[in-house]
Amino acid sequence: MSPFGRAFADGDQLSVAGAVVTLKIHRRARRVSLRLDRARGEIVATAPSARRLGEAAAFARERAVWIAERIAELPQASPIQPGMTLQVFGETVRLEAGTGRARWLAASENYPARITAMGEGEGYARAVMLVLKRRALEVLTERTAHYAARLGAPMPRVAVADAKGRWGSCRAGRLGQPGSIRYSWRLALAPYAVADYVAAHECAHLLELNHGPRFWAHVKALVGEARPHREWLRAEGARLHAFGRP
């Protein structure tokens, strides 16, 4: 039994100041520490070993005020409802009530792009997010094809999901099979150039499954400097993850 109470395991969670605190082991850590995971909207309490996870839990409870302040800084989700205006890949899109299947209506001379969906409350929100996921898959598949061709790599399978930790992930192909890339659909809420950078980043992994110099050379050849896009995601990622969440 830990001197700080019950024994804890890597990944255990507790509630402090109304926030979720996840206990994690990081073998290279030299001390117990706390950080805010903005994408997940939770606090991570890190310890160098399993033996010190109880200490990490106790430290989190001692820092309840700090935790409450950090959670209060996170973006608050706005209800998804007709009349709302979004930026989708940098394009202004208006949400409207409609009938039938939820759909994307391209911009015309007289109207901005629109998403129409029926229902209300959570039902309306789910329908809108389904359209956004389809739009994300369409655009990111096109950009993936573009960058895979520039790199001379076979076109990978492309999918979108609601990953909280990564904007994209790549698996190399094996035995003559194409690789696969999975993106966060929430990239649809980012500027086009930022989402385009993520597509280039993941396609570069088709050739280099690492973040070494050759990998970054591929990325730079495709989209130029990565830093502005990476900084935008760090600064605004929590807002994208908050969209549509209860």
Protein backbone atom coordinates (compact mmCIF):
# COMPACT_ATOMS: atom_id res chain seq x y z
CA MET A 1 0.00 0.00 0.00
CA SER A 2 1.28 3.46 -0.94
CA PRO A 3 1.91 5.88 1.94
CA PHE A 4 -0.41 8.25 0.03
CA GLY A 5 -3.41 5.89 0.20
CA ARG A 6 -4.57 3.05 -2.04
CA ALA A 7 -2.35 1.63 -4.76
CA PHE A 8 -2.81 3.19 -8.19
CA ALA A 9 -2.10 1.91 -11.70
CA ASP A 10 -1.05 3.68 -14.89
CA GLY A 11 -4.17 5.14 -16.52
CA ASP A 12 -6.26 5.32 -13.35
CA GLN A 13 -8.49 8.38 -13.09
CA LEU A 14 -9.79 10.45 -10.20
CA SER A 15 -11.90 13.57 -9.86
CA VAL A 16 -10.38 16.76 -8.44
CA ALA A 17 -12.23 20.10 -8.40
CA GLY A 18 -14.76 18.63 -10.83
CA ALA A 19 -12.06 17.75 -13.35
CA VAL A 20 -10.81 14.38 -14.52
CA VAL A 21 -7.21 13.66 -13.49
CA THR A 22 -5.47 10.80 -15.30
CA LEU A 23 -2.45 9.19 -13.65
CA LYS A 24 0.40 8.36 -16.02
CA ILE A 25 3.84 6.81 -15.64
CA HIS A 26 6.70 8.46 -17.54
CA ARG A 27 9.95 6.61 -16.96
CA ARG A 28 12.06 9.62 -17.91
CA ALA A 29 10.29 11.96 -15.50
CA ARG A 30 12.40 13.07 -12.57
CA ARG A 31 9.55 14.20 -10.36
CA VAL A 32 5.80 14.21 -9.97
CA SER A 33 4.11 16.85 -12.14
CA LEU A 34 0.76 18.07 -13.45
CA ARG A 35 -0.19 19.33 -16.90
CA LEU A 36 -3.36 20.24 -18.72
CA ASP A 37 -4.24 18.09 -21.74
CA ARG A 38 -6.21 20.68 -23.70
CA ALA A 39 -7.40 18.24 -26.35
CA ARG A 40 -8.97 15.88 -23.83
CA GLY A 41 -10.01 18.59 -21.38
CA GLU A 42 -8.35 16.80 -18.48
CA ILE A 43 -5.38 16.99 -16.17
CA VAL A 44 -2.52 14.51 -16.44
CA ALA A 45 -0.61 13.71 -13.25
CA THR A 46 2.75 12.17 -14.15
CA ALA A 47 4.98 10.04 -11.94
CA PRO A 48 8.37 8.44 -12.68
CA SER A 49 7.20 5.00 -11.50
CA ALA A 50 4.13 3.06 -10.39
CA ARG A 51 5.36 3.32 -6.81
CA ARG A 52 4.95 7.12 -6.95
CA LEU A 53 1.49 7.25 -8.55
CA GLY A 54 -0.04 7.67 -5.10
CA GLU A 55 2.18 10.70 -4.62
CA ALA A 56 0.99 12.07 -7.97
CA ALA A 57 -2.64 11.61 -6.90
CA ALA A 58 -1.99 13.38 -3.60
CA PHE A 59 -0.20 16.21 -5.42
CA ALA A 60 -3.21 16.66 -7.74
CA ARG A 61 -5.55 16.96 -4.75
CA GLU A 62 -3.23 19.55 -3.18
CA ARG A 63 -3.36 21.59 -6.38
CA ALA A 64 -7.16 21.62 -6.65
CA VAL A 65 -7.29 25.42 -7.07
CA TRP A 66 -4.71 25.33 -9.88
CA ILE A 67 -6.65 22.53 -11.59
CA ALA A 68 -9.93 24.45 -11.37
CA GLU A 69 -8.27 27.52 -12.87
CA ARG A 70 -6.79 25.54 -15.79
CA ILE A 71 -10.08 23.79 -16.58
CA ALA A 72 -11.90 27.14 -16.49
CA GLU A 73 -9.55 28.40 -19.21
CA LEU A 74 -10.70 25.74 -21.68
CA PRO A 75 -13.05 26.78 -24.50
CA GLN A 76 -16.71 26.13 -23.79
CA ALA A 77 -18.75 24.35 -26.43
CA SER A 78 -21.61 26.28 -28.02
CA PRO A 79 -24.84 24.45 -28.90
CA ILE A 80 -24.97 23.42 -32.56
CA GLN A 81 -28.17 24.94 -33.90
CA PRO A 82 -29.67 26.60 -36.98
CA GLY A 83 -28.34 30.10 -37.56
CA MET A 84 -24.87 29.24 -36.33
CA THR A 85 -21.95 30.13 -38.61
CA LEU A 86 -18.85 27.94 -38.88
CA GLN A 87 -15.54 28.11 -40.65
CA VAL A 88 -15.03 24.84 -42.55
CA PHE A 89 -11.57 24.58 -44.12
CA GLY A 90 -11.58 28.37 -43.94
CA GLU A 91 -14.91 28.77 -45.75
CA THR A 92 -17.88 30.45 -44.06
CA VAL A 93 -20.70 27.94 -43.65
CA ARG A 94 -24.17 28.67 -42.27
CA LEU A 95 -26.23 26.04 -40.44
CA GLU A 96 -29.88 25.89 -41.44
CA ALA A 97 -32.94 23.84 -40.63
CA GLY A 98 -34.00 21.57 -43.48
CA THR A 99 -35.92 18.47 -44.40
CA GLY A 100 -34.67 15.08 -45.47
CA ARG A 101 -31.09 13.91 -45.31
CA ALA A 102 -28.55 16.32 -43.84
CA ARG A 103 -26.42 17.75 -46.63
CA TRP A 104 -23.78 20.22 -47.70
CA LEU A 105 -24.84 22.96 -50.11
CA ALA A 106 -21.97 24.62 -51.95
CA ALA A 107 -21.71 28.39 -52.02
CA SER A 108 -23.42 30.18 -54.89
CA GLU A 109 -23.43 33.74 -56.17
CA ASN A 110 -26.16 34.71 -53.72
CA TYR A 111 -25.59 32.37 -50.77
CA PRO A 112 -22.65 31.17 -48.66
CA ALA A 113 -22.05 27.46 -48.26
CA ARG A 114 -24.71 25.87 -46.05
CA ILE A 115 -25.38 22.71 -44.07
CA THR A 116 -29.04 21.82 -43.83
CA ALA A 117 -30.34 19.23 -41.39
CA MET A 118 -33.58 18.34 -39.71
CA GLY A 119 -34.27 17.73 -36.05
CA GLU A 120 -33.33 19.70 -32.97
CA GLY A 121 -30.97 19.52 -30.02
CA GLU A 122 -28.61 16.56 -30.03
CA GLY A 123 -30.26 15.05 -33.11
CA TYR A 124 -29.58 18.19 -35.14
CA ALA A 125 -26.01 18.38 -33.83
CA ARG A 126 -25.30 14.74 -34.81
CA ALA A 127 -26.63 15.35 -38.30
CA VAL A 128 -24.44 18.43 -38.76
CA MET A 129 -21.35 16.62 -37.51
CA LEU A 130 -22.04 13.75 -39.92
CA VAL A 131 -21.96 16.24 -42.80
CA LEU A 132 -18.74 17.74 -41.47
CA LYS A 133 -17.16 14.27 -41.27
CA ARG A 134 -18.12 13.56 -44.88
CA ARG A 135 -16.70 16.92 -45.94
CA ALA A 136 -13.49 16.23 -44.00
CA LEU A 137 -13.10 12.83 -45.66
CA GLU A 138 -13.68 14.32 -49.11
CA VAL A 139 -11.16 17.15 -48.75
CA LEU A 140 -8.50 15.18 -46.88
CA THR A 141 -8.71 12.28 -49.34
CA GLU A 142 -8.10 14.70 -52.21
CA ARG A 143 -5.11 16.30 -50.44
CA THR A 144 -3.71 12.88 -49.56
CA ALA A 145 -3.91 11.80 -53.19
CA HIS A 146 -2.16 15.02 -54.20
CA TYR A 147 0.76 14.64 -51.79
CA ALA A 148 1.13 10.87 -52.20
CA ALA A 149 1.49 11.44 -55.96
CA ARG A 150 4.09 14.17 -55.42
CA LEU A 151 6.09 11.83 -53.20
CA GLY A 152 5.76 8.92 -55.60
CA ALA A 153 4.03 6.85 -52.92
CA PRO A 154 1.04 4.53 -53.51
CA MET A 155 -2.29 6.09 -52.56
CA PRO A 156 -3.12 4.96 -48.99
CA ARG A 157 -6.53 4.15 -47.59
CA VAL A 158 -7.98 7.25 -45.93
CA ALA A 159 -10.43 7.44 -43.03
CA VAL A 160 -11.56 10.04 -40.49
CA ALA A 161 -12.25 9.54 -36.79
CA ASP A 162 -12.61 11.60 -33.62
CA ALA A 163 -9.18 11.01 -32.15
CA LYS A 164 -8.35 13.27 -29.20
CA GLY A 165 -4.61 12.83 -29.12
CA ARG A 166 -3.55 13.08 -32.76
CA TRP A 167 -4.59 15.06 -35.82
CA GLY A 168 -3.44 12.24 -38.03
CA SER A 169 -1.77 8.84 -37.98
CA CYS A 170 -0.11 6.78 -40.71
CA ARG A 171 0.53 3.07 -41.14
CA ALA A 172 2.90 1.92 -43.85
CA GLY A 173 1.76 -0.68 -46.33
CA ARG A 174 3.01 -4.26 -46.09
CA LEU A 175 3.45 -7.08 -48.57
CA GLY A 176 2.40 -4.96 -51.49
CA GLN A 177 -0.68 -3.59 -49.73
CA PRO A 178 -1.27 0.18 -49.56
CA GLY A 179 -0.69 2.06 -46.33
CA SER A 180 -3.44 3.82 -44.43
CA ILE A 181 -3.89 7.30 -43.00
CA ARG A 182 -6.47 8.29 -40.42
CA TYR A 183 -7.30 11.95 -39.74
CA SER A 184 -9.27 13.75 -37.08
CA TRP A 185 -12.44 14.98 -38.77
CA ARG A 186 -12.11 18.14 -36.66
CA LEU A 187 -9.46 19.34 -39.08
CA ALA A 188 -12.47 20.49 -41.13
CA LEU A 189 -12.81 23.27 -38.54
CA ALA A 190 -9.22 24.43 -39.08
CA PRO A 191 -7.98 26.78 -41.81
CA TYR A 192 -7.42 25.01 -45.11
CA ALA A 193 -3.65 25.56 -44.97
CA VAL A 194 -3.43 23.92 -41.54
CA ALA A 195 -5.40 20.85 -42.61
CA ASP A 196 -3.35 20.71 -45.80
CA TYR A 197 -0.17 20.68 -43.73
CA VAL A 198 -1.44 17.71 -41.70
CA ALA A 199 -2.14 15.83 -44.94
CA ALA A 200 1.39 16.55 -46.17
CA HIS A 201 2.81 15.53 -42.77
CA GLU A 202 1.04 12.16 -42.81
CA CYS A 203 1.93 11.49 -46.45
CA ALA A 204 5.59 12.12 -45.63
CA HIS A 205 5.27 9.23 -43.17
CA LEU A 206 4.52 6.95 -46.12
CA LEU A 207 8.22 7.29 -46.90
CA GLU A 208 9.67 7.96 -43.44
CA LEU A 209 8.00 6.42 -40.37
CA ASN A 210 9.87 8.76 -38.04
CA HIS A 211 10.44 12.47 -37.42
CA GLY A 212 14.04 12.56 -38.56
CA PRO A 213 15.71 15.07 -40.89
CA ARG A 214 14.62 13.28 -44.09
CA PHE A 215 11.00 13.29 -42.91
CA TRP A 216 11.02 17.03 -42.25
CA ALA A 217 12.76 17.63 -45.56
CA HIS A 218 9.83 15.94 -47.32
CA VAL A 219 7.33 18.05 -45.39
CA LYS A 220 9.18 21.27 -46.18
CA ALA A 221 9.34 20.39 -49.88
CA LEU A 222 5.57 19.88 -49.88
CA VAL A 223 4.25 22.80 -47.81
CA GLY A 224 7.18 24.92 -46.66
CA GLU A 225 7.73 25.69 -42.98
CA ALA A 226 5.67 23.53 -40.62
CA ARG A 227 6.03 25.70 -37.52
CA PRO A 228 3.14 28.17 -38.14
CA HIS A 229 0.70 25.31 -38.71
CA ARG A 230 1.91 23.36 -35.68
CA GLU A 231 1.65 26.48 -33.51
CA TRP A 232 -1.90 27.12 -34.74
CA LEU A 233 -2.95 23.60 -33.76
CA ARG A 234 -1.37 23.95 -30.32
CA ALA A 235 -3.13 27.27 -29.73
CA GLU A 236 -6.53 26.42 -31.22
CA GLY A 237 -6.76 22.65 -30.93
CA ALA A 238 -8.78 22.73 -27.70
CA ARG A 239 -11.42 24.88 -29.39
CA LEU A 240 -11.75 22.38 -32.24
CA HIS A 241 -12.06 19.50 -29.78
CA ALA A 242 -14.72 21.37 -27.78
CA PHE A 243 -17.00 21.73 -30.80
CA GLY A 244 -20.09 19.61 -30.41
CA ARG A 245 -19.10 18.12 -27.08
CA PRO A 246 -21.59 18.19 -24.20
